[in-house]
């Protein structure tokens, strides 16, 4: 079995994007590491990556791109540098899922499995049958949750809904997950964001019954 050299360009699948970036930054020293860690990776971010790629280096420089979402326009604009990287440039893309990335991007770099949040499978909420009392108890336990832990909980709730409870999410529920990430990034109160997300499941179950 081939083992990929972690110091060569690759795609890293991990839900812990910021932690993976910090780990890579420490591991790759004394080489220069330039990070583009975003919630959503947009075309302006891709342009900044390309500009950074063409700043000549005498030693290897690592450009790390990490995001919860990569839009297709930004990915397409990176294809040329990913296929023919400038001299002494290595790229590492960190994404929570392979499906975030276009097949054309995935075909250019080897994929490595990184760390996933172990609590993703452990949320004991049946989102198909959730009610206000259960939500209240859950939120009480998360009274002091941090921004990063709240992001992990949003991931865990998505996993619980789609994989464990096998729910087909409505467009409003999907929008709520997207909104939750953005609100947390804007430093909204984590409890309020989690409440908004869970309330969406109560209203959907009521509409269905």
Protein backbone atom coordinates (compact mmCIF):
# COMPACT_ATOMS: atom_id res chain seq x y z
CA UNK A 1 0.00 0.00 0.00
CA UNK A 2 1.33 3.42 -1.00
CA UNK A 3 1.70 5.97 1.77
CA UNK A 4 1.42 9.58 0.66
CA UNK A 5 4.25 11.94 1.60
CA UNK A 6 2.47 14.56 3.75
CA UNK A 7 5.01 17.16 2.62
CA UNK A 8 3.79 16.92 -0.98
CA UNK A 9 0.65 18.55 -2.38
CA UNK A 10 -2.55 16.79 -1.30
CA UNK A 11 -6.17 17.14 -0.23
CA UNK A 12 -6.79 16.56 3.48
CA UNK A 13 -10.31 15.51 4.51
CA UNK A 14 -10.95 16.73 8.04
CA UNK A 15 -13.67 18.48 10.02
CA UNK A 16 -11.04 20.12 12.25
CA UNK A 17 -9.82 22.64 9.68
CA UNK A 18 -8.22 25.18 12.02
CA UNK A 19 -6.53 22.51 14.14
CA UNK A 20 -5.18 20.75 11.05
CA UNK A 21 -3.78 24.06 9.80
CA UNK A 22 -2.01 24.67 13.10
CA UNK A 23 -0.61 21.12 13.08
CA UNK A 24 0.64 21.44 9.49
CA UNK A 25 2.16 24.85 10.20
CA UNK A 26 4.18 23.32 13.06
CA UNK A 27 5.12 20.18 11.11
CA UNK A 28 6.28 22.01 8.00
CA UNK A 29 8.66 24.41 9.77
CA UNK A 30 11.12 25.88 8.93
CA UNK A 31 9.48 26.10 5.48
CA UNK A 32 7.25 29.07 4.83
CA UNK A 33 3.54 28.29 5.22
CA UNK A 34 0.84 30.63 3.89
CA UNK A 35 -2.71 29.88 5.01
CA UNK A 36 -6.02 30.79 3.42
CA UNK A 37 -8.48 29.48 6.04
CA UNK A 38 -12.02 30.59 5.37
CA UNK A 39 -15.63 29.67 6.11
CA UNK A 40 -16.40 29.88 2.39
CA UNK A 41 -13.59 29.90 -0.16
CA UNK A 42 -14.54 32.42 -2.86
CA UNK A 43 -13.09 33.66 -6.17
CA UNK A 44 -11.21 36.50 -4.44
CA UNK A 45 -9.52 33.92 -2.21
CA UNK A 46 -8.53 31.87 -5.24
CA UNK A 47 -7.02 34.98 -6.87
CA UNK A 48 -5.01 35.65 -3.69
CA UNK A 49 -3.74 32.03 -3.75
CA UNK A 50 -2.67 32.37 -7.40
CA UNK A 51 -0.90 35.66 -6.69
CA UNK A 52 0.91 34.07 -3.73
CA UNK A 53 1.87 31.08 -5.90
CA UNK A 54 3.80 33.26 -8.32
CA UNK A 55 5.89 34.98 -5.65
CA UNK A 56 9.20 33.22 -6.32
CA UNK A 57 10.74 31.14 -3.55
CA UNK A 58 14.23 29.67 -3.16
CA UNK A 59 12.88 26.95 -0.81
CA UNK A 60 9.60 25.06 -0.78
CA UNK A 61 6.59 27.14 0.26
CA UNK A 62 3.34 25.54 1.36
CA UNK A 63 0.04 27.17 0.49
CA UNK A 64 -2.79 25.78 2.60
CA UNK A 65 -6.41 26.33 1.59
CA UNK A 66 -9.03 25.36 4.16
CA UNK A 67 -12.77 25.97 4.14
CA UNK A 68 -16.15 24.49 5.01
CA UNK A 69 -17.25 25.31 1.45
CA UNK A 70 -15.43 25.88 -1.86
CA UNK A 71 -17.52 27.33 -4.66
CA UNK A 72 -17.06 25.95 -8.17
CA UNK A 73 -15.84 29.23 -9.71
CA UNK A 74 -12.97 29.52 -7.23
CA UNK A 75 -12.03 25.86 -7.73
CA UNK A 76 -12.02 26.14 -11.51
CA UNK A 77 -9.72 29.14 -11.34
CA UNK A 78 -7.17 27.07 -9.37
CA UNK A 79 -6.98 24.15 -11.79
CA UNK A 80 -4.01 25.48 -13.77
CA UNK A 81 -1.75 26.09 -10.74
CA UNK A 82 -2.78 22.77 -9.19
CA UNK A 83 -1.85 20.92 -12.36
CA UNK A 84 1.33 22.89 -13.09
CA UNK A 85 2.44 24.44 -9.78
CA UNK A 86 5.11 27.15 -9.94
CA UNK A 87 8.58 26.14 -8.80
CA UNK A 88 8.92 25.24 -5.08
CA UNK A 89 5.18 25.49 -4.38
CA UNK A 90 3.17 22.74 -2.67
CA UNK A 91 -0.60 22.97 -2.06
CA UNK A 92 -2.64 21.43 0.74
CA UNK A 93 -6.43 21.72 0.55
CA UNK A 94 -8.38 21.01 3.76
CA UNK A 95 -12.08 20.21 3.37
CA UNK A 96 -14.58 18.47 5.67
CA UNK A 97 -15.84 16.28 2.79
CA UNK A 98 -14.65 15.12 -0.63
CA UNK A 99 -18.01 16.14 -2.10
CA UNK A 100 -17.13 19.81 -1.45
CA UNK A 101 -14.53 19.57 -4.21
CA UNK A 102 -14.98 19.27 -7.96
CA UNK A 103 -13.90 15.99 -9.60
CA UNK A 104 -11.36 18.01 -11.62
CA UNK A 105 -9.73 19.22 -8.38
CA UNK A 106 -9.85 15.77 -6.76
CA UNK A 107 -8.19 14.21 -9.80
CA UNK A 108 -5.17 16.52 -9.53
CA UNK A 109 -4.16 15.79 -5.93
CA UNK A 110 -4.02 12.66 -3.76
CA UNK A 111 -6.64 12.53 -0.99
CA UNK A 112 -5.60 11.89 2.62
CA UNK A 113 -8.03 11.16 5.47
CA UNK A 114 -7.46 13.42 8.46
CA UNK A 115 -9.11 13.81 11.85
CA UNK A 116 -12.87 13.91 12.19
CA UNK A 117 -14.81 15.04 15.23
CA UNK A 118 -15.40 11.90 17.27
CA UNK A 119 -18.48 13.41 18.88
CA UNK A 120 -20.22 13.60 15.49
CA UNK A 121 -21.92 10.20 16.03
CA UNK A 122 -22.59 10.75 19.71
CA UNK A 123 -25.29 13.42 19.79
CA UNK A 124 -28.23 11.75 21.52
CA UNK A 125 -31.03 13.70 19.87
CA UNK A 126 -33.61 12.10 17.62
CA UNK A 127 -34.10 15.02 15.25
CA UNK A 128 -37.10 13.32 13.62
CA UNK A 129 -39.01 13.47 16.93
CA UNK A 130 -37.48 16.46 18.69
CA UNK A 131 -39.64 18.78 20.82
CA UNK A 132 -39.20 22.02 22.78
CA UNK A 133 -38.45 20.27 26.09
CA UNK A 134 -35.59 18.29 24.52
CA UNK A 135 -34.22 21.44 22.86
CA UNK A 136 -34.34 23.32 26.18
CA UNK A 137 -32.38 20.53 27.94
CA UNK A 138 -29.80 20.38 25.13
CA UNK A 139 -29.27 24.16 25.14
CA UNK A 140 -28.94 24.19 28.94
CA UNK A 141 -26.02 21.74 28.62
CA UNK A 142 -24.40 24.02 26.02
CA UNK A 143 -24.65 27.17 28.15
CA UNK A 144 -20.90 27.87 27.98
CA UNK A 145 -20.13 26.39 24.57
CA UNK A 146 -17.35 28.18 22.64
CA UNK A 147 -17.54 29.32 19.03
CA UNK A 148 -15.33 26.44 17.79
CA UNK A 149 -17.21 23.85 19.85
CA UNK A 150 -20.48 25.24 18.50
CA UNK A 151 -19.18 24.75 14.95
CA UNK A 152 -18.36 21.14 15.83
CA UNK A 153 -21.90 20.73 17.21
CA UNK A 154 -23.38 22.07 13.97
CA UNK A 155 -21.34 19.42 12.09
CA UNK A 156 -22.52 16.79 14.58
CA UNK A 157 -26.17 17.80 14.19
CA UNK A 158 -25.89 17.63 10.41
CA UNK A 159 -24.35 14.15 10.67
CA UNK A 160 -27.05 13.05 13.14
CA UNK A 161 -29.84 14.33 10.88
CA UNK A 162 -28.59 12.97 7.56
CA UNK A 163 -26.73 9.79 8.54
CA UNK A 164 -28.15 8.54 11.85
CA UNK A 165 -31.78 9.72 11.58
CA UNK A 166 -31.67 9.49 7.76
CA UNK A 167 -33.76 12.62 7.27
CA UNK A 168 -34.15 14.33 3.92
CA UNK A 169 -33.56 17.95 4.86
CA UNK A 170 -35.86 20.63 3.48
CA UNK A 171 -34.43 23.68 1.74
CA UNK A 172 -35.14 25.80 4.85
CA UNK A 173 -33.28 23.32 7.09
CA UNK A 174 -30.30 23.30 4.71
CA UNK A 175 -30.39 27.10 4.71
CA UNK A 176 -30.36 27.04 8.51
CA UNK A 177 -27.16 24.96 8.55
CA UNK A 178 -25.55 27.38 6.11
CA UNK A 179 -26.77 30.34 8.19
CA UNK A 180 -25.49 28.73 11.41
CA UNK A 181 -21.89 28.66 10.14
CA UNK A 182 -22.11 32.28 9.00
CA UNK A 183 -23.62 33.49 12.28
CA UNK A 184 -20.97 31.71 14.34
CA UNK A 185 -18.28 33.25 12.16
CA UNK A 186 -19.83 36.65 12.92
CA UNK A 187 -19.57 35.82 16.65
CA UNK A 188 -23.31 35.40 17.23
CA UNK A 189 -24.20 33.78 20.55
CA UNK A 190 -23.68 30.01 20.04
CA UNK A 191 -26.77 29.05 22.09
CA UNK A 192 -28.98 31.26 19.90
CA UNK A 193 -27.54 29.74 16.71
CA UNK A 194 -28.08 26.18 17.98
CA UNK A 195 -31.64 27.09 19.05
CA UNK A 196 -32.41 28.44 15.57
CA UNK A 197 -31.09 25.25 14.01
CA UNK A 198 -33.04 22.89 16.27
CA UNK A 199 -36.29 24.86 16.07
CA UNK A 200 -36.21 24.23 12.34
CA UNK A 201 -36.64 20.51 13.03
CA UNK A 202 -39.64 21.08 15.33
CA UNK A 203 -41.48 23.18 12.74
CA UNK A 204 -40.75 20.63 9.98
CA UNK A 205 -42.05 17.70 12.07
CA UNK A 206 -45.21 19.68 12.90
CA UNK A 207 -45.80 20.48 9.24
CA UNK A 208 -45.36 16.80 8.35
CA UNK A 209 -47.86 15.59 10.98
